[in-house]
Amino acid sequence: MIHPTAIVESGARLGANVQIGPGAYIAPTAVIGEGCILGPHAVVLDHVTLGNHCKLHAGAVIGDLPQDLSFSGEPSYVVTGDHCTFREGVTVHRGTKPGSTTQLGSHVFMMANSHVAHNCAVGDHVIMANGVLLAGHVAIGDRVFMGGSSAVHQFCNIGRLAMIGAMGAIIKDVPPFCITATLEASTVYGLNLIGLRRAGLEPAERDQIKQAFDILYRSGLNVTQAKAALRTDTANLFSAEYADFLEKTTRGICRYRFADHASND
């Protein structure tokens, strides 16, 4: 169903059972998966591929040009997985370099006025509350929750199942499973234990994550020493995951602030 005031340019590819609301716009090279719903004045621009059953609310804009002065105008892309939700005023920008892609996984939920910049890589089941801002080249792991108005510096990595506190500024990498402080910059204060339980991790697995976290943040070791200690903990797969994360970090990791309640299960 296409509203008579919507504009679907020639060449746009629409899957089965797509609904397009009043004033919506779809560009000539856009690909819209089956069952997608575009609300009033939603916009899907060139070189965007939306997965199946995605929903764009009023005023969402997917695939506009990157806000990068080095952008040369060559084709670049936005690709999303299935069942993504883009609430009012959401923006997702194309990659900067020719042929590069801004990638979103499946079941991503971007709440009102949140933004994903050029060349970001967002995993599956990621939730961004209202006003979240991702700068360019940010990588977000699966099942991360980002609190309202939090912001992430370019090239930062956030590990899976982390929780970012509301209005926090992230300028360093956040290891997997961690929770960061509200209204603070790059401060970890414990593990996202509620998120771990909701994700179905068993008590024994959560205990292993706590052990790995203690090596990283509570052992008194520096990052290089902690990485080596994590590598020797061969019976704990989560220690290996932390060590692998540390191998890839280019910006350093968030500092730790002790909180009595942070790791109580």
C-alpha atoms as a PDB file:
ATOM      1  CA  MET A   1       0.000   0.000   0.000  1.00  0.00           C
ATOM      2  CA  ILE A   2       1.482   3.315  -1.144  1.00  0.00           C
ATOM      3  CA  HIS A   3      -0.121   6.587  -0.080  1.00  0.00           C
ATOM      4  CA  PRO A   4      -0.882   8.851  -3.065  1.00  0.00           C
ATOM      5  CA  THR A   5       1.320  11.644  -1.651  1.00  0.00           C
ATOM      6  CA  ALA A   6       4.369   9.382  -1.259  1.00  0.00           C
ATOM      7  CA  ILE A   7       7.152   9.506  -3.867  1.00  0.00           C
ATOM      8  CA  VAL A   8       8.749   6.248  -4.993  1.00  0.00           C
ATOM      9  CA  GLU A   9      11.358   6.974  -7.631  1.00  0.00           C
ATOM     10  CA  SER A  10      11.725   4.808 -10.709  1.00  0.00           C
ATOM     11  CA  GLY A  11      14.258   2.067 -10.063  1.00  0.00           C
ATOM     12  CA  ALA A  12      13.509   1.651  -6.366  1.00  0.00           C
ATOM     13  CA  ARG A  13      12.960  -2.001  -5.448  1.00  0.00           C
ATOM     14  CA  LEU A  14      10.135  -2.790  -3.040  1.00  0.00           C
ATOM     15  CA  GLY A  15       9.495  -6.195  -1.488  1.00  0.00           C
ATOM     16  CA  ALA A  16       6.078  -7.722  -0.934  1.00  0.00           C
ATOM     17  CA  ASN A  17       3.580  -6.137   1.453  1.00  0.00           C
ATOM     18  CA  VAL A  18       5.460  -2.854   1.875  1.00  0.00           C
ATOM     19  CA  GLN A  19       3.454   0.049   3.307  1.00  0.00           C
ATOM     20  CA  ILE A  20       4.458   3.636   2.496  1.00  0.00           C
ATOM     21  CA  GLY A  21       2.814   6.509   4.338  1.00  0.00           C
ATOM     22  CA  PRO A  22       1.948  10.069   3.327  1.00  0.00           C
ATOM     23  CA  GLY A  23       4.827  12.247   2.189  1.00  0.00           C
ATOM     24  CA  ALA A  24       7.398   9.455   2.395  1.00  0.00           C
ATOM     25  CA  TYR A  25      10.237   9.347  -0.126  1.00  0.00           C
ATOM     26  CA  ILE A  26      12.187   6.412  -1.593  1.00  0.00           C
ATOM     27  CA  ALA A  27      15.201   7.103  -3.830  1.00  0.00           C
ATOM     28  CA  PRO A  28      15.919   5.357  -7.167  1.00  0.00           C
ATOM     29  CA  THR A  29      18.583   2.903  -5.903  1.00  0.00           C
ATOM     30  CA  ALA A  30      16.946   2.080  -2.570  1.00  0.00           C
ATOM     31  CA  VAL A  31      15.988  -1.524  -1.782  1.00  0.00           C
ATOM     32  CA  ILE A  32      13.111  -2.025   0.672  1.00  0.00           C
ATOM     33  CA  GLY A  33      12.647  -5.508   2.154  1.00  0.00           C
ATOM     34  CA  GLU A  34       9.321  -7.264   2.359  1.00  0.00           C
ATOM     35  CA  GLY A  35       6.862  -6.179   5.017  1.00  0.00           C
ATOM     36  CA  CYS A  36       8.590  -2.834   5.708  1.00  0.00           C
ATOM     37  CA  ILE A  37       6.490   0.094   6.922  1.00  0.00           C
ATOM     38  CA  LEU A  38       7.439   3.708   6.211  1.00  0.00           C
ATOM     39  CA  GLY A  39       5.566   6.283   8.266  1.00  0.00           C
ATOM     40  CA  PRO A  40       4.701   9.854   7.304  1.00  0.00           C
ATOM     41  CA  HIS A  41       7.627  11.725   5.739  1.00  0.00           C
ATOM     42  CA  ALA A  42      10.059   8.879   6.295  1.00  0.00           C
ATOM     43  CA  VAL A  43      12.959   9.027   3.827  1.00  0.00           C
ATOM     44  CA  VAL A  44      15.093   6.234   2.348  1.00  0.00           C
ATOM     45  CA  LEU A  45      17.810   7.646   0.132  1.00  0.00           C
ATOM     46  CA  ASP A  46      20.128   6.192  -2.508  1.00  0.00           C
ATOM     47  CA  HIS A  47      22.300   3.128  -1.879  1.00  0.00           C
ATOM     48  CA  VAL A  48      20.262   1.937   1.111  1.00  0.00           C
ATOM     49  CA  THR A  49      19.149  -1.655   1.601  1.00  0.00           C
ATOM     50  CA  LEU A  50      16.557  -2.193   4.321  1.00  0.00           C
ATOM     51  CA  GLY A  51      16.049  -5.734   5.575  1.00  0.00           C
ATOM     52  CA  ASN A  52      12.648  -7.353   5.890  1.00  0.00           C
ATOM     53  CA  HIS A  53       9.975  -6.066   8.292  1.00  0.00           C
ATOM     54  CA  CYS A  54      11.738  -2.842   9.231  1.00  0.00           C
ATOM     55  CA  LYS A  55       9.681   0.113  10.435  1.00  0.00           C
ATOM     56  CA  LEU A  56      10.490   3.795   9.907  1.00  0.00           C
ATOM     57  CA  HIS A  57       8.464   6.235  11.974  1.00  0.00           C
ATOM     58  CA  ALA A  58       7.696   9.832  11.056  1.00  0.00           C
ATOM     59  CA  GLY A  59      10.661  11.841   9.854  1.00  0.00           C
ATOM     60  CA  ALA A  60      13.266   9.072  10.002  1.00  0.00           C
ATOM     61  CA  VAL A  61      15.986   9.524   7.361  1.00  0.00           C
ATOM     62  CA  ILE A  62      18.131   6.570   6.305  1.00  0.00           C
ATOM     63  CA  GLY A  63      21.085   6.951   3.954  1.00  0.00           C
ATOM     64  CA  ASP A  64      21.822  10.660   3.831  1.00  0.00           C
ATOM     65  CA  LEU A  65      25.360  11.804   3.016  1.00  0.00           C
ATOM     66  CA  PRO A  66      28.063  11.425   5.678  1.00  0.00           C
ATOM     67  CA  GLN A  67      28.948  14.518   7.701  1.00  0.00           C
ATOM     68  CA  ASP A  68      32.600  14.191   6.749  1.00  0.00           C
ATOM     69  CA  LEU A  69      34.519  16.842   4.814  1.00  0.00           C
ATOM     70  CA  SER A  70      36.576  14.128   3.095  1.00  0.00           C
ATOM     71  CA  PHE A  71      33.476  12.652   1.423  1.00  0.00           C
ATOM     72  CA  SER A  72      33.966  12.808  -2.358  1.00  0.00           C
ATOM     73  CA  GLY A  73      30.443  12.007  -3.499  1.00  0.00           C
ATOM     74  CA  GLU A  74      31.179   8.461  -4.678  1.00  0.00           C
ATOM     75  CA  PRO A  75      28.631   5.697  -3.980  1.00  0.00           C
ATOM     76  CA  SER A  76      28.658   4.311  -0.464  1.00  0.00           C
ATOM     77  CA  TYR A  77      26.039   2.350   1.404  1.00  0.00           C
ATOM     78  CA  VAL A  78      23.742   1.686   4.329  1.00  0.00           C
ATOM     79  CA  VAL A  79      22.658  -1.912   4.917  1.00  0.00           C
ATOM     80  CA  THR A  80      20.336  -3.035   7.712  1.00  0.00           C
ATOM     81  CA  GLY A  81      19.212  -6.421   8.940  1.00  0.00           C
ATOM     82  CA  ASP A  82      15.617  -7.499   9.492  1.00  0.00           C
ATOM     83  CA  HIS A  83      13.066  -6.233  12.042  1.00  0.00           C
ATOM     84  CA  CYS A  84      14.792  -2.919  12.739  1.00  0.00           C
ATOM     85  CA  THR A  85      12.817  -0.008  14.183  1.00  0.00           C
ATOM     86  CA  PHE A  86      13.704   3.627  13.513  1.00  0.00           C
ATOM     87  CA  ARG A  87      11.632   6.009  15.600  1.00  0.00           C
ATOM     88  CA  GLU A  88      10.848   9.664  14.940  1.00  0.00           C
ATOM     89  CA  GLY A  89      13.747  11.769  13.713  1.00  0.00           C
ATOM     90  CA  VAL A  90      16.313   8.959  13.545  1.00  0.00           C
ATOM     91  CA  THR A  91      19.203   9.469  11.112  1.00  0.00           C
ATOM     92  CA  VAL A  92      21.633   6.890   9.682  1.00  0.00           C
ATOM     93  CA  HIS A  93      24.360   8.058   7.283  1.00  0.00           C
ATOM     94  CA  ARG A  94      26.199   6.336   4.445  1.00  0.00           C
ATOM     95  CA  GLY A  95      29.872   5.404   4.520  1.00  0.00           C
ATOM     96  CA  THR A  96      32.540   7.990   3.717  1.00  0.00           C
ATOM     97  CA  LYS A  97      35.017   6.156   1.486  1.00  0.00           C
ATOM     98  CA  PRO A  98      33.867   4.956  -1.940  1.00  0.00           C
ATOM     99  CA  GLY A  99      32.184   1.568  -1.631  1.00  0.00           C
ATOM    100  CA  SER A 100      32.166   1.600   2.180  1.00  0.00           C
ATOM    101  CA  THR A 101      29.127   0.691   4.267  1.00  0.00           C
ATOM    102  CA  THR A 102      27.340   1.686   7.429  1.00  0.00           C
ATOM    103  CA  GLN A 103      26.037  -1.654   8.714  1.00  0.00           C
ATOM    104  CA  LEU A 104      23.209  -2.361  11.157  1.00  0.00           C
ATOM    105  CA  GLY A 105      22.268  -5.844  12.318  1.00  0.00           C
ATOM    106  CA  SER A 106      18.808  -7.291  12.885  1.00  0.00           C
ATOM    107  CA  HIS A 107      16.353  -6.252  15.610  1.00  0.00           C
ATOM    108  CA  VAL A 108      18.083  -2.898  16.122  1.00  0.00           C
ATOM    109  CA  PHE A 109      15.827  -0.420  17.935  1.00  0.00           C
ATOM    110  CA  MET A 110      16.773   3.240  17.519  1.00  0.00           C
ATOM    111  CA  MET A 111      14.574   5.496  19.611  1.00  0.00           C
ATOM    112  CA  ALA A 112      13.651   9.082  18.735  1.00  0.00           C
ATOM    113  CA  ASN A 113      16.365  11.442  17.461  1.00  0.00           C
ATOM    114  CA  SER A 114      19.209   8.949  17.763  1.00  0.00           C
ATOM    115  CA  HIS A 115      21.974   9.010  15.154  1.00  0.00           C
ATOM    116  CA  VAL A 116      24.379   6.527  13.556  1.00  0.00           C
ATOM    117  CA  ALA A 117      27.188   8.198  11.639  1.00  0.00           C
ATOM    118  CA  HIS A 118      29.165   6.986   8.645  1.00  0.00           C
ATOM    119  CA  ASN A 119      30.888   3.585   8.661  1.00  0.00           C
ATOM    120  CA  CYS A 120      29.493   2.403  11.982  1.00  0.00           C
ATOM    121  CA  ALA A 121      28.963  -1.321  12.549  1.00  0.00           C
ATOM    122  CA  VAL A 122      26.035  -2.085  14.853  1.00  0.00           C
ATOM    123  CA  GLY A 123      25.288  -5.648  15.967  1.00  0.00           C
ATOM    124  CA  ASP A 124      22.025  -7.500  16.489  1.00  0.00           C
ATOM    125  CA  HIS A 125      19.438  -6.630  19.177  1.00  0.00           C
ATOM    126  CA  VAL A 126      21.078  -3.284  19.961  1.00  0.00           C
ATOM    127  CA  ILE A 127      18.856  -0.698  21.664  1.00  0.00           C
ATOM    128  CA  MET A 128      19.620   3.025  21.497  1.00  0.00           C
ATOM    129  CA  ALA A 129      17.444   5.205  23.703  1.00  0.00           C
ATOM    130  CA  ASN A 130      16.377   8.721  22.743  1.00  0.00           C
ATOM    131  CA  GLY A 131      19.133  11.041  21.594  1.00  0.00           C
ATOM    132  CA  VAL A 132      21.997   8.522  21.419  1.00  0.00           C
ATOM    133  CA  LEU A 133      24.798   9.733  19.142  1.00  0.00           C
ATOM    134  CA  LEU A 134      27.364   7.478  17.460  1.00  0.00           C
ATOM    135  CA  ALA A 135      30.266   9.200  15.717  1.00  0.00           C
ATOM    136  CA  GLY A 136      31.921   7.685  12.649  1.00  0.00           C
ATOM    137  CA  HIS A 137      33.499   4.226  12.586  1.00  0.00           C
ATOM    138  CA  VAL A 138      32.019   3.156  15.947  1.00  0.00           C
ATOM    139  CA  ALA A 139      31.502  -0.596  16.471  1.00  0.00           C
ATOM    140  CA  ILE A 140      28.693  -1.796  18.757  1.00  0.00           C
ATOM    141  CA  GLY A 141      28.453  -5.466  19.762  1.00  0.00           C
ATOM    142  CA  ASP A 142      25.314  -7.581  19.969  1.00  0.00           C
ATOM    143  CA  ARG A 143      22.686  -6.799  22.631  1.00  0.00           C
ATOM    144  CA  VAL A 144      24.234  -3.547  23.802  1.00  0.00           C
ATOM    145  CA  PHE A 145      21.846  -1.116  25.502  1.00  0.00           C
ATOM    146  CA  MET A 146      22.655   2.584  25.229  1.00  0.00           C
ATOM    147  CA  GLY A 147      21.063   4.990  27.681  1.00  0.00           C
ATOM    148  CA  GLY A 148      19.393   8.196  26.572  1.00  0.00           C
ATOM    149  CA  SER A 149      21.597  11.011  25.234  1.00  0.00           C
ATOM    150  CA  SER A 150      24.791   8.983  25.559  1.00  0.00           C
ATOM    151  CA  ALA A 151      27.458   9.774  22.973  1.00  0.00           C
ATOM    152  CA  VAL A 152      30.323   7.696  21.566  1.00  0.00           C
ATOM    153  CA  HIS A 153      33.556   9.107  20.126  1.00  0.00           C
ATOM    154  CA  GLN A 154      34.656   8.042  16.644  1.00  0.00           C
ATOM    155  CA  PHE A 155      36.479   4.703  16.294  1.00  0.00           C
ATOM    156  CA  CYS A 156      35.372   3.449  19.737  1.00  0.00           C
ATOM    157  CA  ASN A 157      34.345  -0.191  20.229  1.00  0.00           C
ATOM    158  CA  ILE A 158      31.648  -1.320  22.652  1.00  0.00           C
ATOM    159  CA  GLY A 159      31.648  -5.029  23.467  1.00  0.00           C
ATOM    160  CA  ARG A 160      28.596  -7.230  23.442  1.00  0.00           C
ATOM    161  CA  LEU A 161      26.012  -7.091  26.219  1.00  0.00           C
ATOM    162  CA  ALA A 162      27.447  -3.858  27.596  1.00  0.00           C
ATOM    163  CA  MET A 163      25.144  -1.187  29.012  1.00  0.00           C
ATOM    164  CA  ILE A 164      25.984   2.484  28.514  1.00  0.00           C
ATOM    165  CA  GLY A 165      24.675   4.865  31.186  1.00  0.00           C
ATOM    166  CA  ALA A 166      22.403   7.728  30.210  1.00  0.00           C
ATOM    167  CA  MET A 167      24.140  10.969  29.212  1.00  0.00           C
ATOM    168  CA  GLY A 168      27.516   9.265  29.421  1.00  0.00           C
ATOM    169  CA  ALA A 169      30.373  10.223  27.114  1.00  0.00           C
ATOM    170  CA  ILE A 170      32.316   7.253  25.764  1.00  0.00           C
ATOM    171  CA  ILE A 171      35.765   8.204  24.468  1.00  0.00           C
ATOM    172  CA  LYS A 172      37.479   4.852  25.112  1.00  0.00           C
ATOM    173  CA  ASP A 173      36.499   1.258  24.375  1.00  0.00           C
ATOM    174  CA  VAL A 174      33.995  -0.507  26.631  1.00  0.00           C
ATOM    175  CA  PRO A 175      34.793  -4.210  27.224  1.00  0.00           C
ATOM    176  CA  PRO A 176      32.029  -6.803  26.826  1.00  0.00           C
ATOM    177  CA  PHE A 177      29.429  -7.262  29.581  1.00  0.00           C
ATOM    178  CA  CYS A 178      30.327  -4.016  31.389  1.00  0.00           C
ATOM    179  CA  ILE A 179      28.073  -1.220  32.582  1.00  0.00           C
ATOM    180  CA  THR A 180      29.187   2.397  32.412  1.00  0.00           C
ATOM    181  CA  ALA A 181      28.270   5.238  34.725  1.00  0.00           C
ATOM    182  CA  THR A 182      25.545   7.779  34.085  1.00  0.00           C
ATOM    183  CA  LEU A 183      26.720  11.379  33.606  1.00  0.00           C
ATOM    184  CA  GLU A 184      30.393  10.370  33.539  1.00  0.00           C
ATOM    185  CA  ALA A 185      33.000   9.956  30.834  1.00  0.00           C
ATOM    186  CA  SER A 186      34.297   6.469  30.021  1.00  0.00           C
ATOM    187  CA  THR A 187      33.817   4.974  33.493  1.00  0.00           C
ATOM    188  CA  VAL A 188      33.017   1.294  34.075  1.00  0.00           C
ATOM    189  CA  TYR A 189      31.615   0.462  37.486  1.00  0.00           C
ATOM    190  CA  GLY A 190      30.668  -3.190  37.169  1.00  0.00           C
ATOM    191  CA  LEU A 191      28.983  -5.874  35.111  1.00  0.00           C
ATOM    192  CA  ASN A 192      25.649  -5.718  33.308  1.00  0.00           C
ATOM    193  CA  LEU A 193      24.312  -8.627  35.342  1.00  0.00           C
ATOM    194  CA  ILE A 194      20.639  -8.040  34.602  1.00  0.00           C
ATOM    195  CA  GLY A 195      21.451  -7.984  30.898  1.00  0.00           C
ATOM    196  CA  LEU A 196      23.450 -11.207  31.232  1.00  0.00           C
ATOM    197  CA  ARG A 197      20.540 -12.962  32.912  1.00  0.00           C
ATOM    198  CA  ARG A 198      18.063 -11.673  30.345  1.00  0.00           C
ATOM    199  CA  ALA A 199      20.341 -12.929  27.570  1.00  0.00           C
ATOM    200  CA  GLY A 200      20.111 -16.426  29.032  1.00  0.00           C
ATOM    201  CA  LEU A 201      23.626 -16.839  30.398  1.00  0.00           C
ATOM    202  CA  GLU A 202      23.744 -19.539  33.074  1.00  0.00           C
ATOM    203  CA  PRO A 203      25.019 -18.837  36.631  1.00  0.00           C
ATOM    204  CA  ALA A 204      28.254 -20.710  35.898  1.00  0.00           C
ATOM    205  CA  GLU A 205      28.843 -18.557  32.822  1.00  0.00           C
ATOM    206  CA  ARG A 206      28.155 -15.384  34.789  1.00  0.00           C
ATOM    207  CA  ASP A 207      30.657 -16.531  37.410  1.00  0.00           C
ATOM    208  CA  GLN A 208      33.286 -16.989  34.701  1.00  0.00           C
ATOM    209  CA  ILE A 209      32.578 -13.494  33.378  1.00  0.00           C
ATOM    210  CA  LYS A 210      33.045 -12.110  36.912  1.00  0.00           C
ATOM    211  CA  GLN A 211      36.372 -13.912  37.200  1.00  0.00           C
ATOM    212  CA  ALA A 212      37.559 -12.451  33.903  1.00  0.00           C
ATOM    213  CA  PHE A 213      36.324  -8.991  34.904  1.00  0.00           C
ATOM    214  CA  ASP A 214      38.245  -9.216  38.188  1.00  0.00           C
ATOM    215  CA  ILE A 215      41.458 -10.050  36.326  1.00  0.00           C
ATOM    216  CA  LEU A 216      40.951  -7.066  34.041  1.00  0.00           C
ATOM    217  CA  TYR A 217      39.829  -4.453  36.549  1.00  0.00           C
ATOM    218  CA  ARG A 218      40.389  -5.622  40.137  1.00  0.00           C
ATOM    219  CA  SER A 219      43.732  -7.416  40.065  1.00  0.00           C
ATOM    220  CA  GLY A 220      45.937  -4.327  40.178  1.00  0.00           C
ATOM    221  CA  LEU A 221      47.471  -5.272  36.822  1.00  0.00           C
ATOM    222  CA  ASN A 222      47.940  -2.850  33.982  1.00  0.00           C
ATOM    223  CA  VAL A 223      46.236  -3.634  30.666  1.00  0.00           C
ATOM    224  CA  THR A 224      49.240  -5.454  29.184  1.00  0.00           C
ATOM    225  CA  GLN A 225      49.655  -7.582  32.305  1.00  0.00           C
ATOM    226  CA  ALA A 226      45.915  -8.252  32.535  1.00  0.00           C
ATOM    227  CA  LYS A 227      45.825  -9.377  28.908  1.00  0.00           C
ATOM    228  CA  ALA A 228      48.624 -11.858  29.577  1.00  0.00           C
ATOM    229  CA  ALA A 229      46.851 -13.137  32.701  1.00  0.00           C
ATOM    230  CA  LEU A 230      43.607 -13.549  30.790  1.00  0.00           C
ATOM    231  CA  ARG A 231      45.436 -15.585  28.140  1.00  0.00           C
ATOM    232  CA  THR A 232      46.694 -18.003  30.790  1.00  0.00           C
ATOM    233  CA  ASP A 233      43.149 -18.557  32.099  1.00  0.00           C
ATOM    234  CA  THR A 234      42.508 -21.157  29.401  1.00  0.00           C
ATOM    235  CA  ALA A 235      39.590 -22.843  31.164  1.00  0.00           C
ATOM    236  CA  ASN A 236      37.545 -19.640  30.946  1.00  0.00           C
ATOM    237  CA  LEU A 237      36.255 -18.791  27.454  1.00  0.00           C
ATOM    238  CA  PHE A 238      35.223 -15.321  28.623  1.00  0.00           C
ATOM    239  CA  SER A 239      38.811 -14.581  29.629  1.00  0.00           C
ATOM    240  CA  ALA A 240      39.785 -15.299  26.029  1.00  0.00           C
ATOM    241  CA  GLU A 241      36.998 -13.001  24.830  1.00  0.00           C
ATOM    242  CA  TYR A 242      38.290 -10.177  27.027  1.00  0.00           C
ATOM    243  CA  ALA A 243      41.867 -10.774  25.857  1.00  0.00           C
ATOM    244  CA  ASP A 244      40.763 -10.721  22.214  1.00  0.00           C
ATOM    245  CA  PHE A 245      38.926  -7.437  22.837  1.00  0.00           C
ATOM    246  CA  LEU A 246      42.052  -5.914  24.395  1.00  0.00           C
ATOM    247  CA  GLU A 247      44.129  -7.014  21.390  1.00  0.00           C
ATOM    248  CA  LYS A 248      41.917  -4.975  19.073  1.00  0.00           C
ATOM    249  CA  THR A 249      41.565  -1.785  21.080  1.00  0.00           C
ATOM    250  CA  THR A 250      43.242   1.277  19.645  1.00  0.00           C
ATOM    251  CA  ARG A 251      41.862   3.888  22.034  1.00  0.00           C
ATOM    252  CA  GLY A 252      42.415   2.141  25.360  1.00  0.00           C
ATOM    253  CA  ILE A 253      39.614   0.955  27.637  1.00  0.00           C
ATOM    254  CA  CYS A 254      37.375   2.746  30.092  1.00  0.00           C
ATOM    255  CA  ARG A 255      38.706   3.252  33.607  1.00  0.00           C
ATOM    256  CA  TYR A 256      37.140   1.421  36.554  1.00  0.00           C
ATOM    257  CA  ARG A 257      35.358   2.959  39.518  1.00  0.00           C
ATOM    258  CA  PHE A 258      34.472   0.574  42.339  1.00  0.00           C
ATOM    259  CA  ALA A 259      30.824   0.355  43.424  1.00  0.00           C
ATOM    260  CA  ASP A 260      29.712  -2.028  46.146  1.00  0.00           C
ATOM    261  CA  HIS A 261      26.556  -3.067  44.333  1.00  0.00           C
ATOM    262  CA  ALA A 262      28.065  -3.379  40.876  1.00  0.00           C
ATOM    263  CA  SER A 263      28.830  -7.099  40.801  1.00  0.00           C
ATOM    264  CA  ASN A 264      26.267  -8.527  43.186  1.00  0.00           C
ATOM    265  CA  ASP A 265      24.269 -11.230  41.459  1.00  0.00           C
END
